[in-house]
Protein backbone atom coordinates (compact mmCIF):
# COMPACT_ATOMS: atom_id res chain seq x y z
CA MET A 1 26.31 32.88 -82.77
CA SER A 2 22.35 32.33 -82.34
CA SER A 3 19.97 34.55 -83.19
CA PRO A 4 17.91 36.66 -80.20
CA LYS A 5 14.63 34.59 -81.07
CA LYS A 6 16.43 31.27 -80.96
CA ALA A 7 17.66 32.42 -77.44
CA ASP A 8 14.22 33.68 -76.71
CA GLY A 9 12.42 30.20 -77.43
CA LYS A 10 15.10 28.30 -75.26
CA LYS A 11 14.31 30.48 -72.27
CA LYS A 12 10.64 29.94 -72.81
CA ARG A 13 10.87 26.16 -73.04
CA ILE A 14 13.06 26.18 -69.84
CA VAL A 15 10.26 28.04 -67.86
CA VAL A 16 7.67 25.91 -69.06
CA ILE A 17 9.62 22.75 -67.89
CA ALA A 18 10.12 24.36 -64.58
CA VAL A 19 6.38 25.33 -64.28
CA ALA A 20 5.45 22.16 -64.87
CA ALA A 21 7.64 20.41 -62.62
CA ALA A 22 6.63 22.67 -59.99
CA ILE A 23 2.76 21.89 -60.57
CA ALA A 24 3.82 18.47 -60.52
CA ALA A 25 5.42 18.33 -57.18
CA ALA A 26 2.39 20.52 -55.69
CA VAL A 27 -0.05 17.89 -57.11
CA GLY A 28 1.81 15.00 -55.47
CA VAL A 29 2.16 16.97 -52.27
CA LEU A 30 -1.34 17.40 -52.30
CA TYR A 31 -2.15 13.71 -53.09
CA PHE A 32 -0.14 12.57 -50.29
CA THR A 33 -1.58 14.71 -47.73
CA GLY A 34 -5.06 13.90 -48.40
CA ALA A 35 -6.40 17.05 -50.00
CA PHE A 36 -7.59 15.24 -52.84
CA LYS A 37 -9.44 12.57 -50.84
CA LYS A 38 -13.61 12.63 -50.97
CA PRO A 39 -14.82 15.78 -48.89
CA GLY A 40 -15.86 14.60 -45.24
CA VAL A 41 -13.58 11.30 -45.28
CA ASN A 42 -10.91 11.63 -42.44
CA ALA A 43 -7.86 9.70 -43.51
CA ASN A 44 -7.17 9.29 -39.93
CA TYR A 45 -10.32 8.23 -38.33
CA VAL A 46 -10.57 5.03 -36.86
CA PRO A 47 -13.83 3.24 -36.08
CA PRO A 48 -14.82 2.97 -32.38
CA LYS A 49 -14.33 -0.33 -31.15
CA LEU A 50 -17.53 -2.19 -30.15
CA ILE A 51 -18.29 -4.03 -27.07
CA GLY A 52 -20.35 -7.19 -28.18
CA GLU A 53 -23.03 -4.80 -30.31
CA PHE A 54 -22.65 -1.73 -28.18
CA LEU A 55 -20.34 1.17 -28.43
CA PRO A 56 -18.84 1.80 -24.92
CA GLU A 57 -20.52 4.96 -23.99
CA GLU A 58 -23.82 2.83 -24.79
CA ILE A 59 -23.02 0.39 -21.90
CA ILE A 60 -24.47 1.18 -18.45
CA PRO A 61 -22.13 0.50 -15.51
CA LEU A 62 -23.44 -2.57 -13.55
CA GLU A 63 -23.88 -0.72 -10.27
CA GLU A 64 -25.81 1.76 -12.15
CA ASP A 65 -28.16 -0.52 -14.10
CA GLU A 66 -31.34 -0.23 -12.50
CA GLU A 67 -32.87 -1.79 -15.49
CA TYR A 68 -30.98 -5.14 -14.85
CA PHE A 69 -31.59 -5.28 -11.06
CA SER A 70 -35.54 -5.13 -11.70
CA LEU A 71 -35.29 -8.01 -13.94
CA ASP A 72 -35.93 -11.67 -12.80
CA ARG A 73 -32.37 -12.77 -12.12
CA ASP A 74 -32.98 -16.02 -10.16
CA VAL A 75 -32.49 -19.43 -11.06
CA HIS A 76 -35.65 -21.23 -12.36
CA TYR A 77 -34.97 -25.07 -12.13
CA GLU A 78 -37.14 -27.86 -12.78
CA TYR A 79 -36.56 -31.60 -12.26
CA ALA A 80 -38.88 -34.49 -12.97
CA GLY A 81 -41.93 -32.08 -13.17
CA VAL A 82 -41.15 -30.52 -9.93
CA GLY A 83 -39.87 -26.77 -10.01
CA THR A 84 -38.31 -24.46 -7.72
CA ILE A 85 -36.38 -21.11 -7.56
CA LEU A 86 -32.85 -21.41 -6.68
CA THR A 87 -31.71 -19.17 -3.86
CA ASP A 88 -28.85 -18.41 -1.46
CA GLY A 89 -31.30 -19.84 1.00
CA THR A 90 -31.70 -22.94 -0.78
CA GLN A 91 -30.74 -26.13 0.85
CA PHE A 92 -29.06 -28.79 -1.43
CA SER A 93 -28.77 -32.40 -0.51
CA SER A 94 -25.54 -34.36 -1.25
CA GLY A 95 -25.16 -35.01 -5.26
CA ASP A 96 -28.03 -32.37 -6.19
CA CYS A 97 -28.03 -31.61 -9.76
CA ALA A 98 -29.35 -28.00 -8.63
CA LYS A 99 -26.35 -27.29 -6.62
CA LEU A 100 -24.24 -27.01 -9.49
CA PHE A 101 -26.48 -24.82 -11.65
CA LYS A 102 -26.58 -22.22 -8.40
CA LYS A 103 -23.22 -22.30 -8.55
CA PHE A 104 -22.61 -22.01 -12.19
CA PHE A 105 -25.04 -18.88 -12.27
CA ASP A 106 -23.25 -17.19 -9.32
CA ALA A 107 -19.96 -17.26 -10.57
CA LEU A 108 -21.28 -16.03 -14.11
CA LYS A 109 -23.00 -13.20 -12.67
CA ALA A 110 -20.07 -12.47 -10.31
CA GLY A 111 -17.57 -12.35 -13.19
CA ASP A 112 -15.79 -15.26 -11.02
CA LEU A 113 -13.70 -17.25 -13.49
CA ALA A 114 -12.29 -19.47 -10.97
CA ALA A 115 -15.26 -20.50 -9.47
CA LEU A 116 -17.01 -20.94 -13.07
CA LYS A 117 -14.26 -23.53 -13.83
CA GLU A 118 -14.78 -25.54 -10.59
CA CYS A 119 -17.99 -26.26 -12.46
CA TYR A 120 -16.62 -28.37 -14.98
CA VAL A 121 -15.16 -31.82 -14.98
CA GLU A 122 -11.25 -31.86 -14.73
CA GLY A 123 -9.72 -31.75 -18.45
CA TYR A 124 -12.61 -30.16 -19.69
CA PHE A 125 -10.54 -26.97 -21.02
CA ASP A 126 -8.03 -29.25 -22.60
CA SER A 127 -10.55 -29.66 -25.36
CA ASN A 128 -12.53 -26.71 -25.08
CA GLU A 129 -11.58 -22.83 -25.07
CA SER A 130 -11.27 -21.34 -21.90
CA PRO A 131 -11.87 -17.86 -21.54
CA ASP A 132 -9.01 -15.61 -20.67
CA SER A 133 -11.11 -13.36 -18.56
CA LEU A 134 -14.71 -12.97 -17.44
CA THR A 135 -16.81 -9.92 -16.81
CA PRO A 136 -19.42 -10.02 -14.76
CA GLN A 137 -22.39 -11.36 -16.70
CA ARG A 138 -25.86 -9.93 -16.45
CA ALA A 139 -28.02 -13.04 -16.74
CA TYR A 140 -31.54 -13.11 -16.23
CA ASP A 141 -34.58 -15.11 -17.23
CA ILE A 142 -32.62 -18.17 -16.29
CA ARG A 143 -34.24 -21.50 -16.98
CA VAL A 144 -33.08 -24.92 -16.24
CA SER A 145 -35.07 -27.94 -16.97
CA PHE A 146 -34.09 -31.53 -16.99
CA TYR A 147 -34.28 -33.46 -20.36
CA SER A 148 -33.05 -36.88 -20.48
CA SER A 149 -30.39 -39.14 -18.99
CA SER A 150 -27.77 -41.15 -20.77
CA GLU A 151 -25.43 -44.05 -19.58
CA ASP A 152 -22.22 -45.07 -20.58
CA VAL A 153 -21.27 -42.11 -22.53
CA LYS A 154 -17.59 -41.80 -23.50
CA PHE A 155 -15.84 -38.10 -23.47
CA GLY A 156 -12.11 -38.33 -23.85
CA ASP A 157 -10.74 -41.33 -22.10
CA THR A 158 -13.47 -41.44 -19.64
CA VAL A 159 -17.07 -42.98 -19.57
CA TYR A 160 -19.72 -41.11 -17.69
CA ASP A 161 -23.71 -41.23 -16.70
CA LEU A 162 -25.04 -38.48 -17.81
CA GLU A 163 -28.00 -36.05 -16.60
CA ASN A 164 -29.10 -33.81 -19.58
CA PHE A 165 -30.73 -30.57 -18.93
CA LYS A 166 -32.05 -27.63 -20.98
CA VAL A 167 -30.59 -24.27 -19.93
CA VAL A 168 -31.75 -20.82 -21.32
CA TYR A 169 -30.80 -17.62 -20.33
CA LYS A 170 -30.35 -13.98 -21.69
CA LEU A 171 -27.45 -11.74 -21.33
CA ARG A 172 -27.85 -7.81 -20.81
CA PHE A 173 -25.11 -6.23 -22.56
CA ASN A 174 -23.49 -9.42 -23.90
CA ASP A 175 -19.73 -8.32 -24.22
CA LEU A 176 -18.82 -11.54 -25.67
CA THR A 177 -16.25 -12.65 -22.89
CA PHE A 178 -18.41 -15.84 -22.30
CA ARG A 179 -20.45 -16.12 -24.80
CA SER A 180 -20.15 -15.14 -28.59
CA ASP A 181 -22.71 -17.31 -30.04
CA THR A 182 -25.74 -15.42 -29.09
CA LEU A 183 -26.84 -11.63 -29.15
CA SER A 184 -27.89 -9.67 -25.94
CA ASP A 185 -31.31 -10.19 -24.44
CA VAL A 186 -32.40 -13.22 -26.51
CA TRP A 187 -32.56 -16.99 -25.53
CA LYS A 188 -30.69 -19.46 -27.06
CA SER A 189 -31.00 -23.10 -25.90
CA GLN A 190 -28.14 -25.07 -24.74
CA LEU A 191 -27.97 -28.75 -23.59
CA PHE A 192 -25.64 -28.94 -20.27
CA GLN A 193 -24.57 -32.52 -20.15
CA ILE A 194 -23.53 -33.39 -16.21
CA ALA A 195 -22.30 -35.99 -14.31
CA LEU A 196 -21.52 -37.12 -10.95
CA VAL A 197 -18.04 -37.03 -10.07
CA ASP A 198 -16.61 -37.27 -6.08
CA GLY A 199 -20.03 -36.87 -4.72
CA GLU A 200 -20.43 -33.54 -7.01
CA TYR A 201 -22.08 -33.01 -10.42
CA ARG A 202 -19.82 -31.12 -12.89
CA ILE A 203 -20.26 -30.11 -16.34
CA VAL A 204 -19.12 -32.68 -19.17
CA ASN A 205 -20.24 -31.17 -22.18
CA ILE A 206 -22.29 -27.98 -23.49
CA ASN A 207 -24.13 -28.33 -26.75
CA GLN A 208 -26.62 -26.29 -28.69
CA PHE A 209 -30.13 -27.57 -27.81
CA PHE A 210 -31.95 -29.11 -30.69
CA SER A 211 -35.54 -29.92 -29.50
């Protein structure tokens, strides 16, 4: 028969083991529920999705954007040293390069993807990324100026005689649906290479402009 002291010792060990197991279980629950995480950190926090450089609430709806409508939104066009402003009332002759740029920026500002794609040669988007959608782009400070001509330039299986233009414009609240290579409200020059196709100028290629 065991002595009373030995029986008491066994009981104490059982109690200690049970308490230790309970503490370990409690710590595990606290750890997995996030109670031991750093104060002020929410494990379920999801950072807001930016639209370009902006939080959604920072972007003023287009129809309420008085500052944008106060900016210069006209297309300033220059060819062979002669400058003009392209407006809805501008009369274009057949095969006029300016007509293409007026159509391009009208489509861009309207968010009209179908009309914008009509500005490019057939097959352009076979080798260039096509936007899935297009929001109205708040383009302003638009400058288009003739740079040079190039003959017999091959793109794909087609040879073109090109008119090359330096094009710069800014985008207010750039949401990256059209241009992801520039920030909002800054100029980044591009070289538009256009060609006469079936009596109308079309965009053949666009590159960054290096002067």
